[in-house]
Amino acid sequence: MGAAAEAARYALLRRLAPSMRHNLVAPLQPIGMVYEIMQRRMRAPEPNLADIQQGAEKINSFARTALASCLDVITWIAPESVTPVSPADGLAECLALVQTSFAFRGFALEGELGPVERQVSRSAFRSVVTGALLFLSDDHPPPAQITIEGAPAMDSLAITIAVNAGAGQEGFATAPTYRPLTWPDVQALAESESTQVQREGPRIRINLPWV
């Protein structure tokens, strides 16, 4: 990976850090809630062991979920070698990570990729699509709606991301915690993932090669 791609990836991860932090903390919250309930039940004059055992099983289940979530967040930082993903799943996990922060800033995200038999690189989808979303939100003032559409082509998944200025509601979040992403950043991310990108005003076209 070249210096430009490394710099772009670092900028992307810095921008995603607040959302990643939320994803790391959220699965841990139910564990604390169940623990407090178990404490109250154990202080009872005659604790119900069946209820306590059920609480312990819930904690174990929540801990496994939290561990899986933490390991998945790490793959954003250190991608696994060519892990395939369906277009629908790739888009779903990208939107799940950034949708709340975009809404706070005044950007509504709308997109759906229908059933596609073939798969693309998970790392490429995350880096290029998420980078393009951040670039468009940095390059256009809110409120605005950003739509994501895609269709299978012969050798790639063709994605179009477009900004509809004025749509949506005013945000209330502060400025981004790190520098804006630039178009050269998006190009560097795409090149590092063997992906083609093209900018046409408020619209970006991405061709993600099939795995």
N, C-alpha and C. Protein backbone atom coordinates (compact mmCIF):
# COMPACT_ATOMS: atom_id res chain seq x y z
N MET A 1 0.83 -1.19 0.00
CA MET A 1 0.00 0.00 0.00
C MET A 1 0.88 1.25 0.00
N GLY A 2 0.59 2.19 -0.90
CA GLY A 2 1.37 3.40 -0.99
C GLY A 2 1.10 4.36 0.13
N ALA A 3 1.94 5.40 0.21
CA ALA A 3 1.80 6.39 1.27
C ALA A 3 0.46 7.12 1.21
N ALA A 4 -0.01 7.42 -0.01
CA ALA A 4 -1.28 8.13 -0.15
C ALA A 4 -2.44 7.28 0.37
N ALA A 5 -2.40 5.98 0.06
CA ALA A 5 -3.47 5.09 0.52
C ALA A 5 -3.42 4.92 2.04
N GLU A 6 -2.22 4.84 2.60
CA GLU A 6 -2.09 4.72 4.05
C GLU A 6 -2.63 5.96 4.75
N ALA A 7 -2.31 7.13 4.20
CA ALA A 7 -2.80 8.38 4.78
C ALA A 7 -4.32 8.46 4.69
N ALA A 8 -4.86 8.04 3.55
CA ALA A 8 -6.31 8.07 3.35
C ALA A 8 -7.00 7.10 4.31
N ARG A 9 -6.42 5.90 4.47
CA ARG A 9 -7.03 4.92 5.37
C ARG A 9 -6.98 5.41 6.82
N TYR A 10 -5.88 6.04 7.19
CA TYR A 10 -5.78 6.59 8.55
C TYR A 10 -6.85 7.66 8.77
N ALA A 11 -7.02 8.56 7.79
CA ALA A 11 -8.03 9.60 7.90
C ALA A 11 -9.43 8.99 7.99
N LEU A 12 -9.68 7.96 7.20
CA LEU A 12 -10.98 7.29 7.23
C LEU A 12 -11.24 6.67 8.60
N LEU A 13 -10.25 5.97 9.14
CA LEU A 13 -10.42 5.33 10.44
C LEU A 13 -10.59 6.35 11.56
N ARG A 14 -9.88 7.47 11.48
CA ARG A 14 -10.04 8.53 12.48
C ARG A 14 -11.46 9.08 12.45
N ARG A 15 -12.01 9.21 11.26
CA ARG A 15 -13.38 9.71 11.15
C ARG A 15 -14.40 8.68 11.65
N LEU A 16 -14.08 7.40 11.49
CA LEU A 16 -15.00 6.35 11.91
C LEU A 16 -14.85 6.00 13.38
N ALA A 17 -13.81 6.50 14.03
CA ALA A 17 -13.51 6.12 15.42
C ALA A 17 -14.69 6.33 16.37
N PRO A 18 -15.39 7.48 16.34
CA PRO A 18 -16.52 7.64 17.28
C PRO A 18 -17.60 6.57 17.08
N SER A 19 -17.89 6.24 15.83
CA SER A 19 -18.90 5.20 15.57
C SER A 19 -18.40 3.84 16.02
N MET A 20 -17.11 3.57 15.81
CA MET A 20 -16.54 2.30 16.27
C MET A 20 -16.61 2.20 17.79
N ARG A 21 -16.33 3.31 18.45
CA ARG A 21 -16.39 3.32 19.92
C ARG A 21 -17.78 2.95 20.40
N HIS A 22 -18.79 3.51 19.75
CA HIS A 22 -20.17 3.18 20.12
C HIS A 22 -20.44 1.70 19.89
N ASN A 23 -19.98 1.15 18.76
CA ASN A 23 -20.21 -0.26 18.47
C ASN A 23 -19.50 -1.18 19.45
N LEU A 24 -18.38 -0.71 20.01
CA LEU A 24 -17.67 -1.51 21.00
C LEU A 24 -18.38 -1.49 22.36
N VAL A 25 -18.95 -0.35 22.71
CA VAL A 25 -19.55 -0.19 24.04
C VAL A 25 -20.97 -0.75 24.09
N ALA A 26 -21.75 -0.57 23.03
CA ALA A 26 -23.17 -0.94 23.06
C ALA A 26 -23.43 -2.39 23.47
N PRO A 27 -22.68 -3.39 22.95
CA PRO A 27 -22.97 -4.77 23.35
C PRO A 27 -22.63 -5.07 24.81
N LEU A 28 -21.84 -4.20 25.45
CA LEU A 28 -21.47 -4.44 26.84
C LEU A 28 -22.53 -3.95 27.82
N GLN A 29 -23.40 -3.05 27.40
CA GLN A 29 -24.38 -2.47 28.32
C GLN A 29 -25.35 -3.48 28.90
N PRO A 30 -25.86 -4.45 28.11
CA PRO A 30 -26.78 -5.43 28.71
C PRO A 30 -26.14 -6.26 29.81
N ILE A 31 -24.82 -6.46 29.74
CA ILE A 31 -24.14 -7.25 30.77
C ILE A 31 -24.27 -6.56 32.12
N GLY A 32 -24.04 -5.24 32.15
CA GLY A 32 -24.17 -4.50 33.40
C GLY A 32 -25.59 -4.53 33.94
N MET A 33 -26.57 -4.45 33.06
CA MET A 33 -27.97 -4.47 33.49
C MET A 33 -28.34 -5.81 34.11
N VAL A 34 -27.92 -6.90 33.45
CA VAL A 34 -28.22 -8.24 33.99
C VAL A 34 -27.50 -8.44 35.32
N TYR A 35 -26.27 -7.94 35.42
CA TYR A 35 -25.51 -8.09 36.66
C TYR A 35 -26.22 -7.40 37.83
N GLU A 36 -26.76 -6.20 37.59
CA GLU A 36 -27.48 -5.50 38.65
C GLU A 36 -28.71 -6.26 39.09
N ILE A 37 -29.42 -6.85 38.14
CA ILE A 37 -30.60 -7.65 38.48
C ILE A 37 -30.19 -8.86 39.31
N MET A 38 -29.08 -9.52 38.91
CA MET A 38 -28.62 -10.68 39.66
C MET A 38 -28.23 -10.30 41.08
N GLN A 39 -27.62 -9.14 41.25
CA GLN A 39 -27.24 -8.70 42.60
C GLN A 39 -28.46 -8.55 43.49
N ARG A 40 -29.52 -7.94 42.97
CA ARG A 40 -30.74 -7.77 43.76
C ARG A 40 -31.35 -9.12 44.13
N ARG A 41 -31.32 -10.04 43.16
CA ARG A 41 -31.90 -11.35 43.44
C ARG A 41 -31.07 -12.12 44.46
N MET A 42 -29.76 -11.95 44.45
CA MET A 42 -28.90 -12.66 45.40
C MET A 42 -29.03 -12.09 46.81
N ARG A 43 -29.47 -10.86 46.94
CA ARG A 43 -29.66 -10.27 48.27
C ARG A 43 -31.00 -10.65 48.89
N ALA A 44 -31.81 -11.36 48.14
CA ALA A 44 -33.11 -11.80 48.67
C ALA A 44 -32.89 -12.79 49.81
N PRO A 45 -33.84 -12.84 50.78
CA PRO A 45 -33.70 -13.78 51.90
C PRO A 45 -33.51 -15.22 51.43
N GLU A 46 -34.23 -15.61 50.40
CA GLU A 46 -34.08 -16.95 49.84
C GLU A 46 -33.89 -16.81 48.32
N PRO A 47 -32.65 -16.64 47.88
CA PRO A 47 -32.40 -16.44 46.44
C PRO A 47 -32.90 -17.61 45.61
N ASN A 48 -33.50 -17.28 44.47
CA ASN A 48 -33.96 -18.30 43.53
C ASN A 48 -32.78 -18.67 42.64
N LEU A 49 -32.22 -19.83 42.88
CA LEU A 49 -31.02 -20.24 42.14
C LEU A 49 -31.29 -20.39 40.65
N ALA A 50 -32.50 -20.78 40.29
CA ALA A 50 -32.82 -20.95 38.87
C ALA A 50 -32.75 -19.59 38.15
N ASP A 51 -33.28 -18.53 38.80
CA ASP A 51 -33.23 -17.19 38.21
C ASP A 51 -31.78 -16.70 38.11
N ILE A 52 -30.99 -16.99 39.14
CA ILE A 52 -29.59 -16.56 39.13
C ILE A 52 -28.82 -17.28 38.02
N GLN A 53 -29.10 -18.58 37.89
CA GLN A 53 -28.43 -19.33 36.82
C GLN A 53 -28.84 -18.80 35.45
N GLN A 54 -30.11 -18.45 35.30
CA GLN A 54 -30.57 -17.89 34.04
C GLN A 54 -29.86 -16.56 33.74
N GLY A 55 -29.65 -15.76 34.79
CA GLY A 55 -28.93 -14.49 34.62
C GLY A 55 -27.49 -14.73 34.21
N ALA A 56 -26.86 -15.74 34.82
CA ALA A 56 -25.47 -16.05 34.46
C ALA A 56 -25.38 -16.50 33.01
N GLU A 57 -26.36 -17.26 32.54
CA GLU A 57 -26.37 -17.70 31.14
C GLU A 57 -26.54 -16.52 30.20
N LYS A 58 -27.36 -15.55 30.62
CA LYS A 58 -27.55 -14.35 29.79
C LYS A 58 -26.24 -13.56 29.70
N ILE A 59 -25.55 -13.42 30.82
CA ILE A 59 -24.28 -12.70 30.81
C ILE A 59 -23.29 -13.38 29.87
N ASN A 60 -23.26 -14.72 29.94
CA ASN A 60 -22.36 -15.46 29.05
C ASN A 60 -22.71 -15.23 27.59
N SER A 61 -24.01 -15.23 27.28
CA SER A 61 -24.45 -15.00 25.91
C SER A 61 -24.11 -13.59 25.44
N PHE A 62 -24.36 -12.59 26.30
CA PHE A 62 -24.05 -11.22 25.95
C PHE A 62 -22.54 -11.00 25.79
N ALA A 63 -21.76 -11.70 26.62
CA ALA A 63 -20.31 -11.57 26.53
C ALA A 63 -19.80 -12.13 25.20
N ARG A 64 -20.38 -13.25 24.77
CA ARG A 64 -19.98 -13.82 23.47
C ARG A 64 -20.32 -12.86 22.33
N THR A 65 -21.50 -12.25 22.42
CA THR A 65 -21.91 -11.29 21.39
C THR A 65 -20.98 -10.08 21.38
N ALA A 66 -20.63 -9.60 22.58
CA ALA A 66 -19.74 -8.45 22.68
C ALA A 66 -18.36 -8.78 22.12
N LEU A 67 -17.87 -9.99 22.39
CA LEU A 67 -16.57 -10.41 21.87
C LEU A 67 -16.59 -10.45 20.35
N ALA A 68 -17.64 -11.03 19.79
CA ALA A 68 -17.76 -11.10 18.33
C ALA A 68 -17.81 -9.70 17.72
N SER A 69 -18.53 -8.79 18.40
CA SER A 69 -18.62 -7.42 17.90
C SER A 69 -17.26 -6.73 17.94
N CYS A 70 -16.50 -6.93 19.01
CA CYS A 70 -15.17 -6.33 19.13
C CYS A 70 -14.23 -6.86 18.05
N LEU A 71 -14.26 -8.16 17.83
CA LEU A 71 -13.40 -8.75 16.80
C LEU A 71 -13.77 -8.23 15.41
N ASP A 72 -15.07 -8.01 15.18
CA ASP A 72 -15.49 -7.50 13.89
C ASP A 72 -15.03 -6.06 13.70
N VAL A 73 -15.09 -5.24 14.75
CA VAL A 73 -14.62 -3.85 14.65
C VAL A 73 -13.13 -3.83 14.33
N ILE A 74 -12.37 -4.77 14.89
CA ILE A 74 -10.93 -4.82 14.62
C ILE A 74 -10.65 -5.06 13.15
N THR A 75 -11.54 -5.79 12.46
CA THR A 75 -11.30 -6.06 11.03
C THR A 75 -11.45 -4.79 10.19
N TRP A 76 -12.08 -3.75 10.72
CA TRP A 76 -12.08 -2.46 10.03
C TRP A 76 -10.68 -1.87 10.04
N ILE A 77 -9.96 -2.10 11.15
CA ILE A 77 -8.61 -1.53 11.30
C ILE A 77 -7.58 -2.40 10.60
N ALA A 78 -7.70 -3.70 10.78
CA ALA A 78 -6.77 -4.65 10.16
C ALA A 78 -7.58 -5.66 9.36
N PRO A 79 -7.90 -5.35 8.10
CA PRO A 79 -8.75 -6.23 7.29
C PRO A 79 -8.16 -7.62 7.13
N GLU A 80 -9.06 -8.61 7.14
CA GLU A 80 -8.64 -9.97 6.87
C GLU A 80 -8.39 -10.13 5.38
N SER A 81 -7.63 -11.13 5.01
CA SER A 81 -7.26 -11.32 3.60
C SER A 81 -8.47 -11.71 2.76
N VAL A 82 -8.82 -10.87 1.82
CA VAL A 82 -9.88 -11.08 0.83
C VAL A 82 -11.06 -11.87 1.38
N THR A 83 -11.80 -11.24 2.27
CA THR A 83 -13.02 -11.84 2.80
C THR A 83 -14.19 -11.40 1.92
N PRO A 84 -14.91 -12.34 1.32
CA PRO A 84 -16.02 -11.95 0.45
C PRO A 84 -17.26 -11.57 1.25
N VAL A 85 -18.10 -10.73 0.66
CA VAL A 85 -19.35 -10.34 1.29
C VAL A 85 -20.37 -10.08 0.18
N SER A 86 -21.62 -10.35 0.47
CA SER A 86 -22.66 -10.03 -0.51
C SER A 86 -22.85 -8.52 -0.52
N PRO A 87 -23.25 -7.94 -1.66
CA PRO A 87 -23.46 -6.50 -1.71
C PRO A 87 -24.45 -6.01 -0.66
N ALA A 88 -25.53 -6.74 -0.45
CA ALA A 88 -26.53 -6.32 0.53
C ALA A 88 -25.95 -6.28 1.94
N ASP A 89 -25.18 -7.32 2.31
CA ASP A 89 -24.58 -7.36 3.64
C ASP A 89 -23.50 -6.30 3.79
N GLY A 90 -22.72 -6.07 2.72
CA GLY A 90 -21.69 -5.05 2.77
C GLY A 90 -22.27 -3.67 3.02
N LEU A 91 -23.35 -3.36 2.32
CA LEU A 91 -23.99 -2.06 2.51
C LEU A 91 -24.62 -1.96 3.89
N ALA A 92 -25.24 -3.04 4.34
CA ALA A 92 -25.91 -3.02 5.65
C ALA A 92 -24.93 -2.72 6.77
N GLU A 93 -23.75 -3.35 6.75
CA GLU A 93 -22.82 -3.11 7.84
C GLU A 93 -22.18 -1.73 7.76
N CYS A 94 -22.00 -1.20 6.55
CA CYS A 94 -21.47 0.16 6.43
C CYS A 94 -22.48 1.18 6.96
N LEU A 95 -23.75 1.00 6.57
CA LEU A 95 -24.77 1.93 7.04
C LEU A 95 -24.98 1.81 8.55
N ALA A 96 -24.90 0.59 9.06
CA ALA A 96 -25.07 0.40 10.50
C ALA A 96 -24.00 1.16 11.29
N LEU A 97 -22.81 1.28 10.71
CA LEU A 97 -21.72 1.95 11.40
C LEU A 97 -21.86 3.47 11.35
N VAL A 98 -22.30 4.03 10.22
CA VAL A 98 -22.23 5.49 10.04
C VAL A 98 -23.58 6.19 10.06
N GLN A 99 -24.68 5.46 9.99
CA GLN A 99 -25.97 6.11 9.79
C GLN A 99 -26.31 7.10 10.90
N THR A 100 -26.06 6.73 12.15
CA THR A 100 -26.40 7.63 13.26
C THR A 100 -25.59 8.91 13.22
N SER A 101 -24.28 8.79 12.98
CA SER A 101 -23.44 9.99 12.94
C SER A 101 -23.82 10.88 11.76
N PHE A 102 -24.20 10.29 10.63
CA PHE A 102 -24.64 11.08 9.49
C PHE A 102 -25.93 11.82 9.81
N ALA A 103 -26.86 11.15 10.50
CA ALA A 103 -28.13 11.79 10.87
C ALA A 103 -27.87 12.97 11.80
N PHE A 104 -26.94 12.82 12.73
CA PHE A 104 -26.60 13.93 13.63
C PHE A 104 -26.09 15.13 12.84
N ARG A 105 -25.40 14.88 11.75
CA ARG A 105 -24.83 15.96 10.95
C ARG A 105 -25.83 16.54 9.95
N GLY A 106 -26.99 15.89 9.79
CA GLY A 106 -28.00 16.40 8.88
C GLY A 106 -28.05 15.70 7.54
N PHE A 107 -27.50 14.48 7.48
CA PHE A 107 -27.51 13.71 6.23
C PHE A 107 -28.35 12.45 6.42
N ALA A 108 -29.33 12.27 5.54
CA ALA A 108 -30.14 11.06 5.55
C ALA A 108 -29.55 10.08 4.54
N LEU A 109 -29.28 8.87 4.98
CA LEU A 109 -28.73 7.84 4.11
C LEU A 109 -29.85 6.89 3.70
N GLU A 110 -29.93 6.65 2.41
CA GLU A 110 -30.96 5.75 1.90
C GLU A 110 -30.35 4.89 0.81
N GLY A 111 -30.46 3.60 0.98
CA GLY A 111 -29.88 2.72 -0.03
C GLY A 111 -30.26 1.28 0.21
N GLU A 112 -30.36 0.55 -0.87
CA GLU A 112 -30.66 -0.88 -0.78
C GLU A 112 -30.10 -1.56 -2.01
N LEU A 113 -29.36 -2.61 -1.80
CA LEU A 113 -28.83 -3.41 -2.90
C LEU A 113 -29.55 -4.74 -2.88
N GLY A 114 -30.31 -5.00 -3.92
CA GLY A 114 -31.10 -6.22 -3.97
C GLY A 114 -30.26 -7.47 -4.01
N PRO A 115 -30.90 -8.62 -4.03
CA PRO A 115 -30.17 -9.89 -4.05
C PRO A 115 -29.25 -10.00 -5.27
N VAL A 116 -28.00 -10.27 -5.00
CA VAL A 116 -27.00 -10.46 -6.05
C VAL A 116 -26.26 -11.76 -5.74
N GLU A 117 -26.16 -12.64 -6.71
CA GLU A 117 -25.56 -13.94 -6.46
C GLU A 117 -24.07 -13.86 -6.18
N ARG A 118 -23.37 -12.94 -6.81
CA ARG A 118 -21.92 -12.87 -6.66
C ARG A 118 -21.54 -11.99 -5.47
N GLN A 119 -20.26 -12.08 -5.08
CA GLN A 119 -19.78 -11.36 -3.91
C GLN A 119 -18.61 -10.45 -4.27
N VAL A 120 -18.37 -9.48 -3.38
CA VAL A 120 -17.26 -8.55 -3.56
C VAL A 120 -16.37 -8.61 -2.32
N SER A 121 -15.24 -7.92 -2.38
CA SER A 121 -14.33 -7.88 -1.24
C SER A 121 -14.93 -7.03 -0.11
N ARG A 122 -14.97 -7.61 1.06
CA ARG A 122 -15.51 -6.87 2.21
C ARG A 122 -14.66 -5.65 2.52
N SER A 123 -13.35 -5.79 2.47
CA SER A 123 -12.45 -4.67 2.74
C SER A 123 -12.64 -3.56 1.73
N ALA A 124 -12.77 -3.92 0.45
CA ALA A 124 -12.96 -2.91 -0.59
C ALA A 124 -14.28 -2.18 -0.40
N PHE A 125 -15.33 -2.93 -0.08
CA PHE A 125 -16.63 -2.30 0.12
C PHE A 125 -16.56 -1.32 1.28
N ARG A 126 -15.99 -1.77 2.38
CA ARG A 126 -15.90 -0.89 3.55
C ARG A 126 -15.09 0.37 3.26
N SER A 127 -13.91 0.20 2.71
CA SER A 127 -13.01 1.35 2.51
C SER A 127 -13.55 2.33 1.48
N VAL A 128 -13.89 1.81 0.31
CA VAL A 128 -14.23 2.70 -0.80
C VAL A 128 -15.62 3.29 -0.64
N VAL A 129 -16.61 2.47 -0.33
CA VAL A 129 -17.97 2.98 -0.21
C VAL A 129 -18.09 3.93 0.99
N THR A 130 -17.55 3.53 2.13
CA THR A 130 -17.63 4.39 3.30
C THR A 130 -16.82 5.67 3.09
N GLY A 131 -15.66 5.54 2.45
CA GLY A 131 -14.86 6.73 2.15
C GLY A 131 -15.60 7.68 1.23
N ALA A 132 -16.29 7.13 0.22
CA ALA A 132 -17.06 7.96 -0.70
C ALA A 132 -18.21 8.66 0.03
N LEU A 133 -18.87 7.95 0.94
CA LEU A 133 -19.96 8.56 1.71
C LEU A 133 -19.45 9.73 2.54
N LEU A 134 -18.32 9.54 3.20
CA LEU A 134 -17.76 10.61 4.01
C LEU A 134 -17.33 11.79 3.15
N PHE A 135 -16.72 11.49 2.00
CA PHE A 135 -16.29 12.57 1.12
C PHE A 135 -17.48 13.42 0.68
N LEU A 136 -18.57 12.77 0.25
CA LEU A 136 -19.73 13.52 -0.20
C LEU A 136 -20.34 14.34 0.93
N SER A 137 -20.34 13.81 2.13
CA SER A 137 -20.90 14.56 3.26
C SER A 137 -19.99 15.73 3.64
N ASP A 138 -18.69 15.60 3.39
CA ASP A 138 -17.77 16.70 3.66
C ASP A 138 -17.82 17.76 2.55
N ASP A 139 -18.13 17.32 1.34
CA ASP A 139 -18.07 18.21 0.18
C ASP A 139 -19.39 18.94 -0.07
N HIS A 140 -20.48 18.50 0.59
CA HIS A 140 -21.78 19.13 0.39
C HIS A 140 -22.39 19.48 1.75
N PRO A 141 -22.92 20.68 1.88
CA PRO A 141 -23.47 21.09 3.18
C PRO A 141 -24.80 20.40 3.47
N PRO A 142 -25.08 20.12 4.73
CA PRO A 142 -26.38 19.59 5.11
C PRO A 142 -27.41 20.72 5.18
N PRO A 143 -28.70 20.38 5.17
CA PRO A 143 -29.25 19.03 5.11
C PRO A 143 -29.21 18.48 3.69
N ALA A 144 -29.10 17.18 3.59
CA ALA A 144 -29.06 16.54 2.29
C ALA A 144 -29.36 15.06 2.46
N GLN A 145 -29.78 14.46 1.38
CA GLN A 145 -30.00 13.01 1.37
C GLN A 145 -28.97 12.37 0.46
N ILE A 146 -28.37 11.30 0.93
CA ILE A 146 -27.39 10.57 0.14
C ILE A 146 -27.99 9.20 -0.16
N THR A 147 -28.10 8.90 -1.45
CA THR A 147 -28.69 7.63 -1.86
C THR A 147 -27.62 6.72 -2.44
N ILE A 148 -27.76 5.44 -2.17
CA ILE A 148 -26.82 4.44 -2.68
C ILE A 148 -27.61 3.43 -3.51
N GLU A 149 -27.22 3.27 -4.75
CA GLU A 149 -27.86 2.31 -5.64
C GLU A 149 -26.79 1.43 -6.27
N GLY A 150 -27.17 0.23 -6.66
CA GLY A 150 -26.19 -0.66 -7.26
C GLY A 150 -26.83 -1.67 -8.19
N ALA A 151 -26.05 -2.14 -9.13
CA ALA A 151 -26.52 -3.15 -10.07
C ALA A 151 -25.34 -3.99 -10.52
N PRO A 152 -25.54 -5.29 -10.72
CA PRO A 152 -24.44 -6.15 -11.17
C PRO A 152 -24.06 -5.88 -12.61
N ALA A 153 -22.78 -5.78 -12.87
CA ALA A 153 -22.26 -5.67 -14.23
C ALA A 153 -21.49 -6.95 -14.55
N MET A 154 -20.88 -7.00 -15.70
CA MET A 154 -20.22 -8.24 -16.12
C MET A 154 -19.08 -8.64 -15.18
N ASP A 155 -18.21 -7.68 -14.87
CA ASP A 155 -17.03 -8.00 -14.06
C ASP A 155 -16.99 -7.29 -12.73
N SER A 156 -18.07 -6.60 -12.36
CA SER A 156 -18.05 -5.84 -11.12
C SER A 156 -19.45 -5.49 -10.66
N LEU A 157 -19.53 -4.99 -9.43
CA LEU A 157 -20.76 -4.42 -8.89
C LEU A 157 -20.69 -2.91 -9.11
N ALA A 158 -21.63 -2.37 -9.86
CA ALA A 158 -21.64 -0.94 -10.17
C ALA A 158 -22.51 -0.21 -9.15
N ILE A 159 -21.87 0.64 -8.36
CA ILE A 159 -22.58 1.39 -7.31
C ILE A 159 -22.57 2.87 -7.66
N THR A 160 -23.70 3.52 -7.45
CA THR A 160 -23.81 4.96 -7.63
C THR A 160 -24.25 5.59 -6.32
N ILE A 161 -23.47 6.57 -5.85
CA ILE A 161 -23.79 7.29 -4.63
C ILE A 161 -24.04 8.75 -5.02
N ALA A 162 -25.20 9.28 -4.69
CA ALA A 162 -25.57 10.62 -5.12
C ALA A 162 -26.11 11.44 -3.96
N VAL A 163 -25.88 12.75 -4.03
CA VAL A 163 -26.33 13.69 -3.00
C VAL A 163 -27.51 14.49 -3.54
N ASN A 164 -28.58 14.54 -2.75
CA ASN A 164 -29.73 15.37 -3.06
C ASN A 164 -29.76 16.50 -2.05
N ALA A 165 -29.23 17.65 -2.43
CA ALA A 165 -29.11 18.77 -1.49
C ALA A 165 -30.48 19.28 -1.07
N GLY A 166 -30.56 19.69 0.20
CA GLY A 166 -31.79 20.26 0.72
C GLY A 166 -32.75 19.25 1.31
N ALA A 167 -32.57 17.97 1.01
CA ALA A 167 -33.45 16.95 1.57
C ALA A 167 -33.00 16.61 2.99
N GLY A 168 -33.91 16.04 3.76
CA GLY A 168 -33.55 15.67 5.12
C GLY A 168 -33.77 16.81 6.10
N GLN A 169 -33.25 16.64 7.30
CA GLN A 169 -33.44 17.61 8.37
C GLN A 169 -32.10 18.17 8.83
N GLU A 170 -32.14 19.35 9.42
CA GLU A 170 -30.93 19.98 9.93
C GLU A 170 -30.32 19.11 11.03
N GLY A 171 -29.01 19.00 11.00
CA GLY A 171 -28.32 18.25 12.05
C GLY A 171 -27.97 19.13 13.21
N PHE A 172 -27.40 18.53 14.23
CA PHE A 172 -27.01 19.29 15.41
C PHE A 172 -25.66 18.85 15.96
N ALA A 173 -24.93 18.04 15.20
CA ALA A 173 -23.63 17.57 15.67
C ALA A 173 -22.57 18.64 15.42
N THR A 174 -21.47 18.52 16.15
CA THR A 174 -20.35 19.43 15.95
C THR A 174 -19.58 19.02 14.70
N ALA A 175 -18.56 19.77 14.39
CA ALA A 175 -17.75 19.48 13.21
C ALA A 175 -17.06 18.12 13.36
N PRO A 176 -16.69 17.49 12.24
CA PRO A 176 -15.99 16.19 12.30
C PRO A 176 -14.75 16.26 13.19
N THR A 177 -14.46 15.15 13.84
CA THR A 177 -13.35 15.11 14.79
C THR A 177 -11.98 15.08 14.13
N TYR A 178 -11.95 14.91 12.82
CA TYR A 178 -10.68 14.87 12.10
C TYR A 178 -10.89 15.54 10.76
N ARG A 179 -9.84 15.67 9.99
CA ARG A 179 -9.91 16.45 8.75
C ARG A 179 -10.91 15.86 7.77
N PRO A 180 -11.45 16.69 6.87
CA PRO A 180 -12.36 16.18 5.84
C PRO A 180 -11.64 15.21 4.91
N LEU A 181 -12.39 14.26 4.37
CA LEU A 181 -11.84 13.38 3.34
C LEU A 181 -11.89 14.10 2.01
N THR A 182 -10.87 13.95 1.21
CA THR A 182 -10.78 14.60 -0.08
C THR A 182 -11.00 13.57 -1.19
N TRP A 183 -11.20 14.08 -2.41
CA TRP A 183 -11.35 13.17 -3.54
C TRP A 183 -10.08 12.35 -3.78
N PRO A 184 -8.88 12.95 -3.67
CA PRO A 184 -7.67 12.11 -3.79
C PRO A 184 -7.62 11.00 -2.74
N ASP A 185 -8.20 11.22 -1.55
CA ASP A 185 -8.27 10.15 -0.55
C ASP A 185 -9.11 8.99 -1.08
N VAL A 186 -10.27 9.31 -1.64
CA VAL A 186 -11.15 8.27 -2.18
C VAL A 186 -10.45 7.53 -3.32
N GLN A 187 -9.76 8.26 -4.17
CA GLN A 187 -9.05 7.62 -5.27
C GLN A 187 -7.95 6.69 -4.76
N ALA A 188 -7.23 7.14 -3.72
CA ALA A 188 -6.16 6.31 -3.16
C ALA A 188 -6.72 5.05 -2.53
N LEU A 189 -7.84 5.18 -1.81
CA LEU A 189 -8.47 4.00 -1.21
C LEU A 189 -8.92 3.03 -2.29
N ALA A 190 -9.50 3.56 -3.35
CA ALA A 190 -9.98 2.71 -4.43
C ALA A 190 -8.82 2.00 -5.12
N GLU A 191 -7.75 2.73 -5.39
CA GLU A 191 -6.59 2.12 -6.05
C GLU A 191 -6.00 1.00 -5.21
N SER A 192 -5.95 1.21 -3.89
CA SER A 192 -5.38 0.18 -3.02
C SER A 192 -6.23 -1.08 -2.98
N GLU A 193 -7.52 -0.95 -3.35
CA GLU A 193 -8.43 -2.10 -3.35
C GLU A 193 -8.75 -2.57 -4.77
N SER A 194 -7.97 -2.10 -5.76
CA SER A 194 -8.19 -2.48 -7.17
C SER A 194 -9.62 -2.19 -7.61
N THR A 195 -10.09 -1.02 -7.21
CA THR A 195 -11.46 -0.60 -7.49
C THR A 195 -11.45 0.68 -8.30
N GLN A 196 -12.41 0.82 -9.21
CA GLN A 196 -12.51 2.02 -10.03
C GLN A 196 -13.54 2.98 -9.45
N VAL A 197 -13.20 4.27 -9.41
CA VAL A 197 -14.12 5.30 -8.96
C VAL A 197 -14.14 6.43 -9.97
N GLN A 198 -15.28 7.06 -10.08
CA GLN A 198 -15.44 8.18 -10.99
C GLN A 198 -16.38 9.20 -10.35
N ARG A 199 -15.98 10.46 -10.40
CA ARG A 199 -16.77 11.52 -9.80
C ARG A 199 -17.46 12.34 -10.88
N GLU A 200 -18.77 12.55 -10.70
CA GLU A 200 -19.55 13.35 -11.64
C GLU A 200 -20.39 14.34 -10.83
N GLY A 201 -19.78 15.45 -10.44
CA GLY A 201 -20.49 16.43 -9.63
C GLY A 201 -20.88 15.85 -8.29
N PRO A 202 -22.19 15.89 -7.95
CA PRO A 202 -22.64 15.35 -6.66
C PRO A 202 -22.86 13.84 -6.69
N ARG A 203 -22.21 13.17 -7.62
CA ARG A 203 -22.43 11.73 -7.80
C ARG A 203 -21.09 11.01 -7.95
N ILE A 204 -20.97 9.86 -7.30
CA ILE A 204 -19.77 9.04 -7.41
C ILE A 204 -20.18 7.66 -7.92
N ARG A 205 -19.45 7.18 -8.91
CA ARG A 205 -19.68 5.84 -9.43
C ARG A 205 -18.50 4.95 -9.01
N ILE A 206 -18.84 3.78 -8.48
CA ILE A 206 -17.83 2.83 -7.98
C ILE A 206 -18.05 1.49 -8.66
N ASN A 207 -16.99 0.90 -9.12
CA ASN A 207 -17.04 -0.45 -9.68
C ASN A 207 -16.20 -1.38 -8.82
N LEU A 208 -16.89 -2.18 -8.01
CA LEU A 208 -16.23 -3.14 -7.13
C LEU A 208 -16.10 -4.47 -7.86
N PRO A 209 -14.88 -4.93 -8.12
CA PRO A 209 -14.73 -6.20 -8.84
C PRO A 209 -15.27 -7.38 -8.03
N TRP A 210 -15.80 -8.35 -8.74
CA TRP A 210 -16.28 -9.56 -8.07
C TRP A 210 -15.12 -10.34 -7.49
N VAL A 211 -15.37 -11.02 -6.39
CA VAL A 211 -14.36 -11.89 -5.79
C VAL A 211 -14.45 -13.25 -6.48
